Protein backbone atom coordinates (compact mmCIF):
# COMPACT_ATOMS: atom_id res chain seq x y z
CA MET A 1 42.95 37.19 -39.86
CA SER A 2 43.28 38.31 -36.52
CA THR A 3 46.61 37.93 -34.34
CA GLN A 4 45.11 35.26 -31.71
CA THR A 5 43.76 33.57 -34.85
CA LYS A 6 47.09 33.31 -36.47
CA ILE A 7 48.76 32.10 -33.21
CA ARG A 8 45.83 29.43 -32.21
CA ALA A 9 46.25 28.12 -36.02
CA SER A 10 49.98 27.84 -35.88
CA ARG A 11 49.73 26.29 -32.29
CA ALA A 12 47.17 23.68 -33.06
CA PRO A 13 49.16 21.19 -35.57
CA LYS A 14 51.31 20.79 -32.78
CA ALA A 15 49.06 20.08 -29.96
CA THR A 16 47.17 17.55 -32.12
CA ARG A 17 50.29 15.77 -32.97
CA ALA A 18 51.43 15.75 -29.38
CA GLN A 19 48.14 14.40 -28.58
CA ASN A 20 47.92 11.86 -30.66
CA GLN A 21 51.81 10.77 -29.75
CA ARG A 22 50.52 10.57 -26.52
CA THR A 23 47.63 8.59 -27.44
CA SER A 24 49.47 6.01 -29.27
CA ALA A 25 51.55 5.87 -26.83
CA LEU A 26 49.59 4.90 -24.58
CA THR A 27 47.41 2.75 -26.61
CA ILE A 28 50.35 0.83 -28.04
CA GLY A 29 51.51 0.30 -24.22
CA THR A 30 47.75 -0.56 -23.04
CA SER A 31 47.23 -2.72 -26.34
CA LYS A 32 50.73 -4.84 -25.25
CA GLY A 33 49.87 -5.32 -21.69
CA TRP A 34 46.25 -6.51 -22.29
CA THR A 35 47.51 -8.79 -25.15
CA GLY A 36 49.67 -10.83 -23.30
CA GLY A 37 47.48 -10.76 -19.96
CA ALA A 38 45.04 -11.97 -22.64
CA ILE A 39 46.98 -14.17 -23.98
CA THR A 40 47.73 -15.70 -20.79
CA ALA A 41 44.27 -15.75 -18.96
CA LEU A 42 43.47 -17.65 -21.93
CA ILE A 43 45.88 -20.29 -22.54
CA LEU A 44 45.42 -21.37 -18.28
CA LEU A 45 41.54 -21.34 -19.33
CA ALA A 46 42.17 -23.40 -22.02
CA LEU A 47 44.24 -25.55 -19.44
CA MET A 48 41.87 -25.74 -17.10
CA TRP A 49 39.03 -27.36 -19.81
CA VAL A 50 41.30 -29.88 -21.86
CA LEU A 51 43.68 -31.23 -18.66
CA PRO A 52 40.17 -32.63 -17.28
CA ILE A 53 38.88 -34.26 -20.69
CA LEU A 54 42.98 -35.84 -21.06
CA TRP A 55 42.44 -36.84 -18.09
CA GLY A 56 39.20 -38.77 -18.41
CA VAL A 57 40.00 -40.46 -22.03
CA THR A 58 43.12 -41.52 -20.82
CA THR A 59 41.74 -43.04 -17.59
CA SER A 60 39.13 -45.03 -19.77
CA LEU A 61 41.47 -46.18 -22.02
CA LYS A 62 43.05 -48.02 -19.08
CA SER A 63 42.70 -51.35 -17.37
CA GLU A 64 40.74 -50.96 -14.17
CA LYS A 65 44.38 -52.01 -11.84
CA ASP A 66 46.50 -49.24 -13.99
CA ALA A 67 43.11 -46.58 -13.54
CA ALA A 68 43.88 -47.08 -9.64
CA GLY A 69 47.17 -45.76 -9.67
CA PRO A 70 48.99 -42.71 -9.79
CA PRO A 71 46.71 -40.83 -12.85
CA LEU A 72 49.54 -39.44 -14.77
CA SER A 73 51.25 -42.54 -14.85
CA ALA A 74 51.40 -45.08 -18.20
CA PRO A 75 49.90 -47.72 -18.07
CA SER A 76 51.80 -51.22 -17.52
CA GLU A 77 49.34 -53.35 -19.01
CA GLY A 78 49.13 -51.04 -22.27
CA TRP A 79 46.44 -49.14 -23.50
CA THR A 80 42.83 -50.47 -24.16
CA LEU A 81 39.55 -50.82 -25.00
CA ASP A 82 38.30 -52.79 -22.46
CA ALA A 83 36.34 -50.08 -20.42
CA TYR A 84 34.31 -49.42 -23.24
CA ILE A 85 33.20 -52.90 -24.28
CA GLN A 86 32.35 -53.79 -20.75
CA VAL A 87 30.55 -51.00 -20.88
CA LEU A 88 29.00 -50.98 -24.18
CA THR A 89 27.96 -55.00 -24.02
CA LYS A 90 27.80 -56.15 -20.28
CA GLY A 91 25.31 -52.50 -19.22
CA GLU A 92 22.81 -51.12 -20.10
CA ILE A 93 24.39 -47.79 -21.42
CA PRO A 94 22.31 -47.97 -25.08
CA ARG A 95 18.63 -48.31 -23.64
CA TRP A 96 19.94 -45.15 -21.16
CA MET A 97 21.42 -43.31 -24.51
CA PHE A 98 18.24 -44.22 -26.35
CA ASN A 99 15.90 -42.88 -23.53
CA SER A 100 17.92 -39.60 -22.94
CA PHE A 101 17.73 -39.08 -27.09
CA PHE A 102 14.01 -39.38 -26.57
CA VAL A 103 13.23 -37.62 -23.78
CA ALA A 104 15.73 -34.46 -25.05
CA VAL A 105 14.27 -34.45 -28.70
CA ALA A 106 10.68 -34.70 -27.08
CA VAL A 107 11.79 -31.75 -24.44
CA THR A 108 13.17 -29.80 -27.23
CA VAL A 109 10.55 -29.86 -29.91
CA LEU A 110 7.58 -29.18 -27.49
CA THR A 111 9.97 -26.61 -25.59
CA VAL A 112 10.34 -24.58 -28.98
CA ALA A 113 6.73 -24.91 -30.19
CA ILE A 114 5.05 -23.83 -27.00
CA SER A 115 7.93 -21.12 -26.26
CA ALA A 116 7.54 -19.69 -29.67
CA LEU A 117 3.89 -19.49 -29.83
CA ALA A 118 4.22 -17.62 -26.75
CA ALA A 119 6.80 -15.25 -27.78
CA TYR A 120 4.71 -14.28 -30.55
CA GLY A 121 1.35 -13.91 -28.58
CA PHE A 122 3.30 -11.76 -26.38
CA SER A 123 5.18 -10.23 -29.43
CA ARG A 124 2.23 -9.17 -31.82
CA THR A 125 -1.12 -9.21 -30.39
CA GLU A 126 -3.18 -7.25 -27.76
CA PHE A 127 -5.65 -8.22 -24.95
CA ARG A 128 -6.24 -7.47 -21.72
CA GLY A 129 -3.64 -8.37 -19.30
CA ARG A 130 -0.72 -8.80 -21.44
CA LYS A 131 1.83 -6.53 -20.03
CA TRP A 132 0.91 -8.13 -16.60
CA LEU A 133 1.26 -11.52 -18.16
CA PHE A 134 4.28 -11.04 -19.87
CA ALA A 135 5.87 -9.65 -16.25
CA LEU A 136 4.53 -12.42 -14.42
CA THR A 137 6.85 -14.79 -16.70
CA ILE A 138 9.76 -13.41 -16.37
CA ALA A 139 9.09 -13.34 -12.50
CA SER A 140 8.69 -17.35 -12.87
CA ILE A 141 12.87 -17.01 -14.55
CA MET A 142 13.96 -16.40 -11.00
CA VAL A 143 11.97 -19.07 -9.22
CA PRO A 144 14.74 -22.21 -8.52
CA GLY A 145 13.55 -24.99 -10.11
CA GLN A 146 14.58 -27.15 -7.16
CA ILE A 147 11.62 -25.37 -4.58
CA LEU A 148 9.22 -26.98 -8.09
CA ILE A 149 9.64 -30.56 -7.00
CA VAL A 150 7.65 -31.44 -4.39
CA PRO A 151 4.88 -29.57 -6.31
CA LEU A 152 5.72 -31.20 -9.07
CA PHE A 153 6.06 -34.68 -8.26
CA GLN A 154 2.28 -34.51 -6.36
CA GLN A 155 1.05 -33.37 -9.62
CA MET A 156 2.41 -36.03 -11.77
CA ASN A 157 1.52 -38.50 -9.34
CA SER A 158 -2.30 -37.28 -8.95
CA MET A 159 -2.47 -38.08 -13.08
CA ARG A 160 -0.55 -40.77 -12.37
CA LEU A 161 2.47 -39.88 -14.48
CA THR A 162 4.72 -41.26 -12.45
CA ASP A 163 7.14 -43.69 -14.10
CA THR A 164 6.21 -43.09 -17.36
CA PHE A 165 8.15 -40.98 -20.39
CA ALA A 166 5.31 -38.40 -19.76
CA GLY A 167 5.89 -37.48 -16.39
CA ILE A 168 9.79 -37.21 -17.11
CA ILE A 169 9.00 -34.75 -20.84
CA LEU A 170 5.95 -32.67 -19.66
CA PRO A 171 7.54 -30.42 -16.41
CA GLN A 172 10.32 -29.64 -18.53
CA ILE A 173 8.79 -28.25 -21.24
CA VAL A 174 7.80 -24.74 -19.51
CA ALA A 175 10.87 -22.16 -20.09
CA PRO A 176 9.94 -18.45 -19.52
CA MET A 177 13.18 -17.97 -20.37
CA MET A 178 12.99 -18.98 -24.15
CA VAL A 179 9.97 -17.47 -24.17
CA PHE A 180 11.53 -13.70 -23.28
CA ILE A 181 14.56 -14.62 -25.63
CA MET A 182 12.36 -15.20 -28.43
CA LYS A 183 9.68 -12.62 -27.92
CA ASN A 184 12.85 -10.07 -27.85
CA PHE A 185 13.91 -11.82 -31.29
CA PHE A 186 10.25 -11.23 -32.73
CA ASP A 187 10.10 -7.74 -31.68
CA THR A 188 12.79 -6.73 -33.83
CA ILE A 189 10.37 -7.98 -37.23
CA PRO A 190 9.20 -5.43 -39.41
CA LYS A 191 5.56 -5.54 -38.49
CA GLU A 192 5.25 -4.03 -42.09
CA LEU A 193 5.43 -7.74 -43.10
CA GLU A 194 2.78 -9.15 -41.27
CA GLU A 195 0.50 -6.23 -42.41
CA ALA A 196 1.23 -6.97 -46.24
CA ALA A 197 0.76 -10.75 -45.48
CA ARG A 198 -2.59 -9.57 -43.96
CA ILE A 199 -3.59 -7.48 -46.89
CA ASP A 200 -3.53 -10.72 -48.77
CA GLY A 201 -5.47 -13.08 -46.83
CA ALA A 202 -3.03 -14.78 -44.47
CA GLY A 203 -4.51 -15.47 -41.13
CA ARG A 204 -1.99 -15.36 -37.87
CA MET A 205 -1.38 -19.24 -37.85
CA ARG A 206 -0.03 -18.65 -41.65
CA ILE A 207 1.81 -15.49 -41.30
CA PHE A 208 3.59 -17.00 -38.25
CA MET A 209 4.58 -20.04 -40.28
CA THR A 210 5.46 -18.63 -43.47
CA ILE A 211 7.12 -15.56 -42.55
CA ILE A 212 7.97 -15.25 -38.59
CA VAL A 213 9.50 -19.09 -38.25
CA PRO A 214 11.65 -18.46 -41.65
CA LEU A 215 13.19 -15.20 -40.11
CA SER A 216 13.77 -16.79 -37.01
CA ARG A 217 15.31 -19.85 -37.74
CA PRO A 218 19.27 -18.82 -36.08
CA ILE A 219 17.50 -18.33 -32.69
CA LEU A 220 15.44 -21.14 -32.88
CA MET A 221 18.33 -23.11 -33.96
CA ALA A 222 20.05 -21.69 -31.07
CA VAL A 223 17.17 -22.25 -28.50
CA SER A 224 16.68 -25.89 -29.72
CA ILE A 225 20.32 -26.59 -29.04
CA PHE A 226 20.39 -25.25 -25.48
CA VAL A 227 17.39 -26.77 -24.90
CA PHE A 228 19.01 -30.23 -26.08
CA ILE A 229 21.38 -30.21 -23.95
CA GLY A 230 19.52 -29.16 -20.63
CA ALA A 231 17.54 -31.98 -20.93
CA TRP A 232 20.58 -34.41 -21.95
CA ASN A 233 22.44 -33.55 -18.38
CA ASN A 234 19.40 -33.02 -16.11
CA PHE A 235 19.30 -35.38 -13.22
CA LEU A 236 17.04 -34.92 -10.41
CA TRP A 237 13.62 -34.51 -12.06
CA PRO A 238 14.14 -38.31 -14.16
CA PHE A 239 16.04 -39.20 -10.77
CA ILE A 240 12.75 -38.26 -8.83
CA VAL A 241 9.69 -39.02 -10.62
CA THR A 242 10.68 -42.76 -12.04
CA ASN A 243 11.96 -45.87 -10.68
CA ASN A 244 11.85 -47.94 -13.66
CA PRO A 245 14.58 -49.17 -14.31
CA ASP A 246 13.72 -49.76 -18.62
CA LEU A 247 13.00 -45.42 -18.37
CA LEU A 248 16.03 -44.57 -16.51
CA THR A 249 18.02 -41.62 -18.82
CA LEU A 250 21.61 -41.75 -18.74
CA PRO A 251 22.51 -39.58 -15.85
CA VAL A 252 20.50 -41.34 -13.61
CA GLY A 253 21.66 -44.35 -15.10
CA LEU A 254 25.57 -44.08 -14.67
CA ALA A 255 24.46 -43.19 -10.74
CA THR A 256 23.16 -46.39 -10.41
CA VAL A 257 26.13 -48.24 -11.75
CA LYS A 258 28.42 -46.75 -10.02
CA ASN A 259 26.79 -47.46 -6.54
CA ALA A 260 26.05 -51.36 -8.06
CA TYR A 261 29.36 -51.71 -9.04
CA GLY A 262 31.64 -49.52 -6.43
CA VAL A 263 34.28 -47.69 -7.71
CA GLN A 264 35.30 -48.61 -11.31
CA TYR A 265 37.33 -45.94 -12.43
CA ALA A 266 37.82 -46.95 -16.07
CA GLN A 267 34.31 -47.82 -16.49
CA SER A 268 32.72 -44.95 -14.95
CA MET A 269 35.82 -42.07 -16.96
CA ALA A 270 33.88 -44.78 -20.11
CA SER A 271 30.55 -44.10 -19.51
CA ALA A 272 30.83 -40.44 -19.07
CA ILE A 273 33.02 -40.05 -22.07
CA LEU A 274 30.39 -41.90 -24.46
CA ALA A 275 27.37 -39.62 -22.32
CA ALA A 276 29.46 -36.45 -23.12
CA LEU A 277 29.86 -37.27 -26.93
CA PRO A 278 26.70 -36.81 -28.47
CA LEU A 279 26.67 -32.91 -26.52
CA MET A 280 30.29 -32.69 -28.17
CA VAL A 281 28.67 -33.89 -31.62
CA VAL A 282 26.17 -31.70 -31.33
CA PHE A 283 28.16 -28.67 -30.20
CA ALA A 284 30.12 -28.89 -33.30
CA LEU A 285 28.06 -29.47 -36.05
CA PHE A 286 25.71 -26.39 -34.81
CA GLN A 287 28.41 -24.24 -32.98
CA ARG A 288 28.08 -21.75 -35.88
CA GLN A 289 23.93 -21.61 -35.72
CA ILE A 290 24.37 -21.17 -32.04
CA VAL A 291 26.85 -18.29 -32.58
CA LYS A 292 24.42 -16.62 -35.63
CA GLY A 293 21.69 -17.03 -33.90
CA PHE A 294 22.84 -14.39 -30.50
CA ALA A 295 24.43 -12.35 -32.82
CA THR A 296 21.57 -11.62 -35.04
CA SER A 297 19.15 -11.54 -31.85
CA GLY A 298 17.70 -7.27 -31.94
CA MET A 299 18.39 -6.99 -35.92
CA GLY A 300 15.55 -8.66 -37.23
CA GLY A 301 17.50 -12.04 -38.32
CA GLN A 302 19.51 -10.05 -40.46
């Protein structure tokens, strides 16, 4: 061993230890700083989310007289469920909730079914113009939905679908973003599984139903929940396409109540809480599927 090699060998451990100490010091210092800042930011964000909800719940449990007072004041007449009773017994909330649930479920089922079939076609079949058609689908994501309101209404009117559930549901089942998400997921599923099934005599539809759909259950569940939430909260299109009081969805109906009865703070908050309650339940029940769906996307459902 040469003299220079001996010198480098003797210096290397000291340099490595010093470098490790500096790296450790920087890491510990950075970690503490980031941890404190992250905790503070999370607390502030949590307060920003929780305080409006608490304010809405407490206001809905006050009388109309107390609800019109300062928001942080204690109710002089005590806590009461009168606002919820008034909304559920004298209003049209149950009918509007049923309409919203029916529309949201129909939109979710049709959107997921059509988007999954379209995504499977883009992912697994070869036909002329496939790349251009998929590029056109992706480009349509950038078109704001508000621009299409007038032509959609004219089309629904020409088909005599205004003031019908079909007129509310059909324009909402076009979801190019869902096609894009599911197509990317289907691309990760090994093609060897389909080839083995094809050797056994399975057709396209059977392969889709028995192989693709079971493997894609997490992403299908996640997409279904997001479509359901979007359809439940949709206000603009149901507001434009229908004037029939029997077909009003919950967001449109709540706006009608506010206009008809003026400012009823307690009842308005009770209506808002009731409108958000189904979404909270759905998200609480399926939050694991949502996380799993997006966490496993890109890994073929594994």
